[in-house]
Amino acid sequence: GLGAEVFKAQQLAVLDRRDRTSEIAKIAVPTLIVA
């Protein structure tokens, strides 16, 4: 339903995402993690 162009754009965004592991300790609000 989203279509090929959105699908490709999202794949490109995901493969080039930044590593945020060194930054997430700055998050100061209640955080829920579900796995």
All heavy atoms as atom14 arrays in JSON, in Angstrom:
{
  "sequence": "GLGAEVFKAQQLAVLDRRDRTSEIAKIAVPTLIVA",
  "atom14_mask": [
    [1, 1, 1, 1, 0, 0, 0, 0, 0, 0, 0, 0, 0, 0],
    [1, 1, 1, 1, 1, 1, 1, 1, 0, 0, 0, 0, 0, 0],
    [1, 1, 1, 1, 0, 0, 0, 0, 0, 0, 0, 0, 0, 0],
    [1, 1, 1, 1, 1, 0, 0, 0, 0, 0, 0, 0, 0, 0],
    [1, 1, 1, 1, 1, 1, 1, 1, 1, 0, 0, 0, 0, 0],
    [1, 1, 1, 1, 1, 1, 1, 0, 0, 0, 0, 0, 0, 0],
    [1, 1, 1, 1, 1, 1, 1, 1, 1, 1, 1, 0, 0, 0],
    [1, 1, 1, 1, 1, 1, 1, 1, 1, 0, 0, 0, 0, 0],
    [1, 1, 1, 1, 1, 0, 0, 0, 0, 0, 0, 0, 0, 0],
    [1, 1, 1, 1, 1, 1, 1, 1, 1, 0, 0, 0, 0, 0],
    [1, 1, 1, 1, 1, 1, 1, 1, 1, 0, 0, 0, 0, 0],
    [1, 1, 1, 1, 1, 1, 1, 1, 0, 0, 0, 0, 0, 0],
    [1, 1, 1, 1, 1, 0, 0, 0, 0, 0, 0, 0, 0, 0],
    [1, 1, 1, 1, 1, 1, 1, 0, 0, 0, 0, 0, 0, 0],
    [1, 1, 1, 1, 1, 1, 1, 1, 0, 0, 0, 0, 0, 0],
    [1, 1, 1, 1, 1, 1, 1, 1, 0, 0, 0, 0, 0, 0],
    [1, 1, 1, 1, 1, 1, 1, 1, 1, 1, 1, 0, 0, 0],
    [1, 1, 1, 1, 1, 1, 1, 1, 1, 1, 1, 0, 0, 0],
    [1, 1, 1, 1, 1, 1, 1, 1, 0, 0, 0, 0, 0, 0],
    [1, 1, 1, 1, 1, 1, 1, 1, 1, 1, 1, 0, 0, 0],
    [1, 1, 1, 1, 1, 1, 1, 0, 0, 0, 0, 0, 0, 0],
    [1, 1, 1, 1, 1, 1, 0, 0, 0, 0, 0, 0, 0, 0],
    [1, 1, 1, 1, 1, 1, 1, 1, 1, 0, 0, 0, 0, 0],
    [1, 1, 1, 1, 1, 1, 1, 1, 0, 0, 0, 0, 0, 0],
    [1, 1, 1, 1, 1, 0, 0, 0, 0, 0, 0, 0, 0, 0],
    [1, 1, 1, 1, 1, 1, 1, 1, 1, 0, 0, 0, 0, 0],
    [1, 1, 1, 1, 1, 1, 1, 1, 0, 0, 0, 0, 0, 0],
    [1, 1, 1, 1, 1, 0, 0, 0, 0, 0, 0, 0, 0, 0],
    [1, 1, 1, 1, 1, 1, 1, 0, 0, 0, 0, 0, 0, 0],
    [1, 1, 1, 1, 1, 1, 1, 0, 0, 0, 0, 0, 0, 0],
    [1, 1, 1, 1, 1, 1, 1, 0, 0, 0, 0, 0, 0, 0],
    [1, 1, 1, 1, 1, 1, 1, 1, 0, 0, 0, 0, 0, 0],
    [1, 1, 1, 1, 1, 1, 1, 1, 0, 0, 0, 0, 0, 0],
    [1, 1, 1, 1, 1, 1, 1, 0, 0, 0, 0, 0, 0, 0],
    [1, 1, 1, 1, 1, 0, 0, 0, 0, 0, 0, 0, 0, 0]
  ],
  "atom14_positions": [
    [[0.8, -1.22, 0.0], [0.0, 0.0, 0.0], [0.83, 1.27, 0.0], [0.46, 2.27, -0.62], [0.0, 0.0, 0.0], [0.0, 0.0, 0.0], [0.0, 0.0, 0.0], [0.0, 0.0, 0.0], [0.0, 0.0, 0.0], [0.0, 0.0, 0.0], [0.0, 0.0, 0.0], [0.0, 0.0, 0.0], [0.0, 0.0, 0.0], [0.0, 0.0, 0.0]],
    [[1.97, 1.23, 0.69], [2.86, 2.4, 0.7], [3.56, 2.58, -0.64], [3.89, 3.71, -1.02], [3.9, 2.25, 1.82], [3.37, 2.36, 3.24], [4.47, 2.02, 4.25], [2.82, 3.75, 3.52], [0.0, 0.0, 0.0], [0.0, 0.0, 0.0], [0.0, 0.0, 0.0], [0.0, 0.0, 0.0], [0.0, 0.0, 0.0], [0.0, 0.0, 0.0]],
    [[3.82, 1.5, -1.33], [4.4, 1.58, -2.67], [5.91, 1.43, -2.7], [6.6, 1.53, -1.68], [0.0, 0.0, 0.0], [0.0, 0.0, 0.0], [0.0, 0.0, 0.0], [0.0, 0.0, 0.0], [0.0, 0.0, 0.0], [0.0, 0.0, 0.0], [0.0, 0.0, 0.0], [0.0, 0.0, 0.0], [0.0, 0.0, 0.0], [0.0, 0.0, 0.0]],
    [[6.42, 1.22, -3.9], [7.84, 0.91, -4.08], [8.75, 2.07, -3.7], [9.83, 1.86, -3.13], [8.1, 0.51, -5.54], [0.0, 0.0, 0.0], [0.0, 0.0, 0.0], [0.0, 0.0, 0.0], [0.0, 0.0, 0.0], [0.0, 0.0, 0.0], [0.0, 0.0, 0.0], [0.0, 0.0, 0.0], [0.0, 0.0, 0.0], [0.0, 0.0, 0.0]],
    [[8.36, 3.29, -4.0], [9.25, 4.43, -3.73], [9.43, 4.65, -2.23], [10.55, 4.9, -1.76], [8.71, 5.7, -4.4], [8.75, 5.66, -5.91], [10.13, 5.31, -6.45], [11.12, 5.91, -5.97], [10.23, 4.42, -7.33], [0.0, 0.0, 0.0], [0.0, 0.0, 0.0], [0.0, 0.0, 0.0], [0.0, 0.0, 0.0], [0.0, 0.0, 0.0]],
    [[8.34, 4.56, -1.47], [8.44, 4.69, -0.01], [9.26, 3.53, 0.55], [10.12, 3.71, 1.42], [7.05, 4.74, 0.64], [7.15, 4.63, 2.16], [6.34, 6.02, 0.25], [0.0, 0.0, 0.0], [0.0, 0.0, 0.0], [0.0, 0.0, 0.0], [0.0, 0.0, 0.0], [0.0, 0.0, 0.0], [0.0, 0.0, 0.0], [0.0, 0.0, 0.0]],
    [[9.01, 2.33, 0.06], [9.73, 1.14, 0.5], [11.24, 1.32, 0.3], [12.04, 1.05, 1.21], [9.22, -0.08, -0.27], [9.84, -1.39, 0.13], [9.35, -2.1, 1.21], [10.88, -1.93, -0.61], [9.91, -3.32, 1.57], [11.45, -3.15, -0.26], [10.96, -3.85, 0.83], [0.0, 0.0, 0.0], [0.0, 0.0, 0.0], [0.0, 0.0, 0.0]],
    [[11.64, 1.79, -0.87], [13.06, 1.98, -1.15], [13.65, 3.08, -0.27], [14.76, 2.93, 0.26], [13.26, 2.32, -2.63], [13.01, 1.16, -3.57], [13.4, 1.48, -4.99], [12.48, 2.5, -5.63], [12.82, 2.75, -7.06], [0.0, 0.0, 0.0], [0.0, 0.0, 0.0], [0.0, 0.0, 0.0], [0.0, 0.0, 0.0], [0.0, 0.0, 0.0]],
    [[12.94, 4.18, -0.1], [13.43, 5.28, 0.73], [13.65, 4.82, 2.17], [14.66, 5.16, 2.81], [12.46, 6.45, 0.69], [0.0, 0.0, 0.0], [0.0, 0.0, 0.0], [0.0, 0.0, 0.0], [0.0, 0.0, 0.0], [0.0, 0.0, 0.0], [0.0, 0.0, 0.0], [0.0, 0.0, 0.0], [0.0, 0.0, 0.0], [0.0, 0.0, 0.0]],
    [[12.72, 4.03, 2.69], [12.84, 3.56, 4.07], [14.0, 2.58, 4.21], [14.74, 2.62, 5.21], [11.53, 2.92, 4.51], [10.4, 3.93, 4.67], [9.11, 3.29, 5.13], [8.95, 2.06, 5.11], [8.16, 4.1, 5.54], [0.0, 0.0, 0.0], [0.0, 0.0, 0.0], [0.0, 0.0, 0.0], [0.0, 0.0, 0.0], [0.0, 0.0, 0.0]],
    [[14.19, 1.71, 3.23], [15.33, 0.79, 3.28], [16.65, 1.56, 3.28], [17.58, 1.22, 4.03], [15.28, -0.17, 2.09], [14.17, -1.2, 2.13], [14.42, -2.3, 3.14], [15.5, -2.43, 3.7], [13.4, -3.12, 3.37], [0.0, 0.0, 0.0], [0.0, 0.0, 0.0], [0.0, 0.0, 0.0], [0.0, 0.0, 0.0], [0.0, 0.0, 0.0]],
    [[16.75, 2.6, 2.47], [17.97, 3.41, 2.44], [18.21, 4.1, 3.78], [19.35, 4.2, 4.25], [17.88, 4.44, 1.31], [17.9, 3.87, -0.12], [17.58, 4.96, -1.13], [19.25, 3.24, -0.42], [0.0, 0.0, 0.0], [0.0, 0.0, 0.0], [0.0, 0.0, 0.0], [0.0, 0.0, 0.0], [0.0, 0.0, 0.0], [0.0, 0.0, 0.0]],
    [[17.14, 4.6, 4.39], [17.26, 5.26, 5.69], [17.76, 4.29, 6.75], [18.63, 4.62, 7.57], [15.92, 5.86, 6.1], [0.0, 0.0, 0.0], [0.0, 0.0, 0.0], [0.0, 0.0, 0.0], [0.0, 0.0, 0.0], [0.0, 0.0, 0.0], [0.0, 0.0, 0.0], [0.0, 0.0, 0.0], [0.0, 0.0, 0.0], [0.0, 0.0, 0.0]],
    [[17.23, 3.09, 6.75], [17.59, 2.09, 7.75], [19.04, 1.64, 7.59], [19.77, 1.49, 8.57], [16.62, 0.9, 7.68], [17.15, -0.29, 8.45], [15.26, 1.29, 8.23], [0.0, 0.0, 0.0], [0.0, 0.0, 0.0], [0.0, 0.0, 0.0], [0.0, 0.0, 0.0], [0.0, 0.0, 0.0], [0.0, 0.0, 0.0], [0.0, 0.0, 0.0]],
    [[19.47, 1.42, 6.36], [20.83, 0.9, 6.18], [21.89, 1.94, 6.5], [23.03, 1.59, 6.82], [21.0, 0.31, 4.78], [21.07, 1.21, 3.55], [22.48, 1.7, 3.27], [20.55, 0.44, 2.32], [0.0, 0.0, 0.0], [0.0, 0.0, 0.0], [0.0, 0.0, 0.0], [0.0, 0.0, 0.0], [0.0, 0.0, 0.0], [0.0, 0.0, 0.0]],
    [[21.54, 3.23, 6.44], [22.51, 4.3, 6.73], [22.3, 4.95, 8.09], [22.85, 6.02, 8.37], [22.44, 5.38, 5.64], [23.17, 4.96, 4.37], [24.09, 4.13, 4.48], [22.81, 5.45, 3.29], [0.0, 0.0, 0.0], [0.0, 0.0, 0.0], [0.0, 0.0, 0.0], [0.0, 0.0, 0.0], [0.0, 0.0, 0.0], [0.0, 0.0, 0.0]],
    [[21.54, 4.32, 8.97], [21.26, 4.94, 10.27], [22.52, 5.04, 11.13], [23.44, 4.24, 11.01], [20.17, 4.16, 11.02], [20.59, 2.78, 11.49], [19.41, 2.08, 12.14], [19.75, 0.81, 12.74], [19.72, -0.35, 12.13], [19.39, -0.42, 10.84], [20.02, -1.47, 12.78], [0.0, 0.0, 0.0], [0.0, 0.0, 0.0], [0.0, 0.0, 0.0]],
    [[22.51, 6.03, 12.01], [23.65, 6.27, 12.91], [23.62, 5.33, 14.1], [22.55, 4.91, 14.54], [23.62, 7.71, 13.43], [23.92, 8.77, 12.41], [23.71, 10.15, 13.01], [24.44, 10.34, 14.26], [24.27, 11.38, 15.08], [23.36, 12.3, 14.79], [24.97, 11.49, 16.18], [0.0, 0.0, 0.0], [0.0, 0.0, 0.0], [0.0, 0.0, 0.0]],
    [[24.78, 5.07, 14.64], [24.88, 4.37, 15.92], [24.62, 5.39, 17.04], [25.28, 6.41, 17.11], [26.28, 3.78, 16.07], [26.42, 2.89, 17.29], [26.1, 3.37, 18.41], [26.85, 1.74, 17.15], [0.0, 0.0, 0.0], [0.0, 0.0, 0.0], [0.0, 0.0, 0.0], [0.0, 0.0, 0.0], [0.0, 0.0, 0.0], [0.0, 0.0, 0.0]],
    [[23.63, 5.12, 17.89], [23.29, 6.06, 18.96], [23.65, 5.51, 20.34], [23.25, 6.08, 21.36], [21.78, 6.37, 18.94], [21.17, 6.68, 17.59], [21.92, 7.72, 16.78], [21.88, 9.04, 17.32], [21.08, 10.03, 16.9], [20.23, 9.81, 15.94], [21.15, 11.23, 17.44], [0.0, 0.0, 0.0], [0.0, 0.0, 0.0], [0.0, 0.0, 0.0]],
    [[24.39, 4.42, 20.4], [24.65, 3.77, 21.69], [25.41, 4.66, 22.66], [25.22, 4.53, 23.88], [25.41, 2.44, 21.5], [26.6, 2.68, 20.73], [24.55, 1.43, 20.76], [0.0, 0.0, 0.0], [0.0, 0.0, 0.0], [0.0, 0.0, 0.0], [0.0, 0.0, 0.0], [0.0, 0.0, 0.0], [0.0, 0.0, 0.0], [0.0, 0.0, 0.0]],
    [[26.24, 5.54, 22.15], [27.01, 6.41, 23.05], [26.2, 7.63, 23.5], [26.67, 8.39, 24.36], [28.3, 6.88, 22.35], [27.99, 7.7, 21.22], [0.0, 0.0, 0.0], [0.0, 0.0, 0.0], [0.0, 0.0, 0.0], [0.0, 0.0, 0.0], [0.0, 0.0, 0.0], [0.0, 0.0, 0.0], [0.0, 0.0, 0.0], [0.0, 0.0, 0.0]],
    [[25.02, 7.83, 22.94], [24.21, 9.01, 23.23], [22.99, 8.74, 24.1], [22.45, 9.66, 24.72], [23.74, 9.66, 21.92], [24.85, 10.04, 20.96], [24.29, 10.48, 19.62], [23.76, 11.6, 19.55], [24.34, 9.68, 18.66], [0.0, 0.0, 0.0], [0.0, 0.0, 0.0], [0.0, 0.0, 0.0], [0.0, 0.0, 0.0], [0.0, 0.0, 0.0]],
    [[22.53, 7.49, 24.13], [21.23, 7.24, 24.75], [21.23, 7.42, 26.27], [20.15, 7.55, 26.87], [20.67, 5.86, 24.37], [21.64, 4.75, 24.77], [20.38, 5.81, 22.88], [21.07, 3.35, 24.49], [0.0, 0.0, 0.0], [0.0, 0.0, 0.0], [0.0, 0.0, 0.0], [0.0, 0.0, 0.0], [0.0, 0.0, 0.0], [0.0, 0.0, 0.0]],
    [[22.39, 7.47, 26.87], [22.44, 7.74, 28.32], [21.94, 9.15, 28.64], [21.61, 9.44, 29.8], [23.85, 7.55, 28.85], [0.0, 0.0, 0.0], [0.0, 0.0, 0.0], [0.0, 0.0, 0.0], [0.0, 0.0, 0.0], [0.0, 0.0, 0.0], [0.0, 0.0, 0.0], [0.0, 0.0, 0.0], [0.0, 0.0, 0.0], [0.0, 0.0, 0.0]],
    [[21.84, 10.01, 27.63], [21.33, 11.37, 27.83], [19.82, 11.42, 27.96], [19.27, 12.44, 28.39], [21.74, 12.26, 26.64], [23.24, 12.36, 26.38], [23.49, 13.13, 25.1], [24.95, 13.14, 24.72], [25.17, 13.82, 23.41], [0.0, 0.0, 0.0], [0.0, 0.0, 0.0], [0.0, 0.0, 0.0], [0.0, 0.0, 0.0], [0.0, 0.0, 0.0]],
    [[19.13, 10.36, 27.58], [17.67, 10.35, 27.62], [17.21, 10.38, 29.07], [17.56, 9.51, 29.86], [17.1, 9.12, 26.88], [17.46, 9.2, 25.39], [15.59, 9.02, 27.07], [17.12, 7.95, 24.6], [0.0, 0.0, 0.0], [0.0, 0.0, 0.0], [0.0, 0.0, 0.0], [0.0, 0.0, 0.0], [0.0, 0.0, 0.0], [0.0, 0.0, 0.0]],
    [[16.41, 11.38, 29.42], [16.07, 11.62, 30.82], [14.59, 11.52, 31.12], [14.12, 12.04, 32.13], [16.59, 12.99, 31.24], [0.0, 0.0, 0.0], [0.0, 0.0, 0.0], [0.0, 0.0, 0.0], [0.0, 0.0, 0.0], [0.0, 0.0, 0.0], [0.0, 0.0, 0.0], [0.0, 0.0, 0.0], [0.0, 0.0, 0.0], [0.0, 0.0, 0.0]],
    [[13.83, 10.86, 30.24], [12.39, 10.68, 30.47], [12.11, 9.2, 30.71], [12.91, 8.34, 30.31], [11.56, 11.19, 29.27], [11.71, 12.7, 29.13], [11.97, 10.47, 27.99], [0.0, 0.0, 0.0], [0.0, 0.0, 0.0], [0.0, 0.0, 0.0], [0.0, 0.0, 0.0], [0.0, 0.0, 0.0], [0.0, 0.0, 0.0], [0.0, 0.0, 0.0]],
    [[10.98, 8.89, 31.36], [10.63, 7.47, 31.54], [10.59, 6.76, 30.19], [9.95, 7.21, 29.25], [9.25, 7.54, 32.18], [9.22, 8.86, 32.88], [10.0, 9.79, 32.01], [0.0, 0.0, 0.0], [0.0, 0.0, 0.0], [0.0, 0.0, 0.0], [0.0, 0.0, 0.0], [0.0, 0.0, 0.0], [0.0, 0.0, 0.0], [0.0, 0.0, 0.0]],
    [[11.31, 5.65, 30.11], [11.46, 4.94, 28.85], [11.04, 3.49, 28.99], [11.5, 2.78, 29.88], [12.92, 5.01, 28.36], [13.3, 6.39, 28.2], [13.09, 4.31, 27.02], [0.0, 0.0, 0.0], [0.0, 0.0, 0.0], [0.0, 0.0, 0.0], [0.0, 0.0, 0.0], [0.0, 0.0, 0.0], [0.0, 0.0, 0.0], [0.0, 0.0, 0.0]],
    [[10.15, 3.07, 28.11], [9.7, 1.69, 28.05], [10.37, 1.01, 26.86], [10.36, 1.55, 25.76], [8.18, 1.64, 27.88], [7.57, 0.27, 27.59], [7.7, -0.65, 28.78], [6.11, 0.41, 27.16], [0.0, 0.0, 0.0], [0.0, 0.0, 0.0], [0.0, 0.0, 0.0], [0.0, 0.0, 0.0], [0.0, 0.0, 0.0], [0.0, 0.0, 0.0]],
    [[10.95, -0.15, 27.11], [11.54, -0.94, 26.03], [10.82, -2.28, 25.98], [10.73, -2.99, 26.99], [13.05, -1.14, 26.26], [13.76, 0.22, 26.27], [13.65, -2.04, 25.19], [15.22, 0.16, 26.66], [0.0, 0.0, 0.0], [0.0, 0.0, 0.0], [0.0, 0.0, 0.0], [0.0, 0.0, 0.0], [0.0, 0.0, 0.0], [0.0, 0.0, 0.0]],
    [[10.27, -2.6, 24.83], [9.54, -3.85, 24.64], [10.27, -4.69, 23.6], [10.64, -4.19, 22.52], [8.09, -3.58, 24.17], [7.38, -4.9, 23.85], [7.32, -2.8, 25.23], [0.0, 0.0, 0.0], [0.0, 0.0, 0.0], [0.0, 0.0, 0.0], [0.0, 0.0, 0.0], [0.0, 0.0, 0.0], [0.0, 0.0, 0.0], [0.0, 0.0, 0.0]],
    [[10.5, -5.95, 23.93], [11.19, -6.86, 23.03], [10.43, -8.17, 22.95], [9.73, -8.57, 23.89], [12.61, -7.12, 23.52], [0.0, 0.0, 0.0], [0.0, 0.0, 0.0], [0.0, 0.0, 0.0], [0.0, 0.0, 0.0], [0.0, 0.0, 0.0], [0.0, 0.0, 0.0], [0.0, 0.0, 0.0], [0.0, 0.0, 0.0], [0.0, 0.0, 0.0]]
  ]
}
